[in-house]
């Protein structure tokens, strides 16, 4: 016979694929020599490509350019990664800024920190949330000497205000805001048992109230964004200016967020690092905050809507 005899393969062996089959089964994103299109698996045709910034990008997609940080520090990296750095920073620190201003006006400093710290992890104001689920303004009256401020809402057993994070960003979960279905008002701090603080008793060991849950005490599944310690390692303190001075804690204008960094302090106050108008108004302008004011009472009516009360503030002095 003139033709070549076919070589028999052992049972179960597969014949080798030809060169044509090999090239057609390539896993390359863009076939060599074809810079304009990418195979669209499962679709009728290839995806058109465009060149943007020296890179091939599928049509319909955008490239987010990340500017390199000018310096190797946290602030520079934050600015490089966030074009809207100033407004985001202001929004993040708005509650603490208002707490600092309120503290200077009333003379009552409310801070959340570990007992051994010389700084507050969180400045607390009347809109801050308690473990029981109610706001500080919904609790009983307090002074700079208060130790336990009970809740005055009907059927609430809370005997002492204890600050709890009320925003995902308070515990460093900034990515939550980027979820399409995330609703900030529904976020709650949780225990390791997966139930929220509102599902635990507000007193004693703070046992879980959820049916069938054997959790004997609230064990936070998050860390403090300021010190990386657990919620239960912290306490809420009500103090006068003099008490804080004796403890070596910041008071007055030094209690403002970023007090040592004027440009960030201005952003926290006004949203513009070059605008120090509010800072000057607080420290030097007409009606500025008096230094070393020692007030220990707060009779200002609470407005849950967050608006400014028109009834006036009636402080009581030491």
Foldseek 3Di string as FASTA:
>chain_A
DPDDDDDDDPPPDDDDDDPVVVLVPDPDQAPPPGLAWGADPPDDGTFGWDADPNDIDTPPDDDDDFDDFPDPDDVSNQVRVDVLSLVVLQVVCVQQQVLQLVCLQQQKWKAKDQPVDQEGLGTADQQFAFLLGDGNLQWAWWWLPDDAIAGPDPPAPATGGWGDDLFCVQQPNVCLVVDPPRDSNPDAWAAPLGDGSNQFRNDDQGAGNDPPDPRGHGHTPTAGPRPRHTSVSMGMHIHGPVVSVVVNHDHDCCSQPPSVPQQSSCSNVPSGSVDCPVVCCQPPNVVHRDPPFTFITWPDRDDNVPDDDPPDTDTDGD
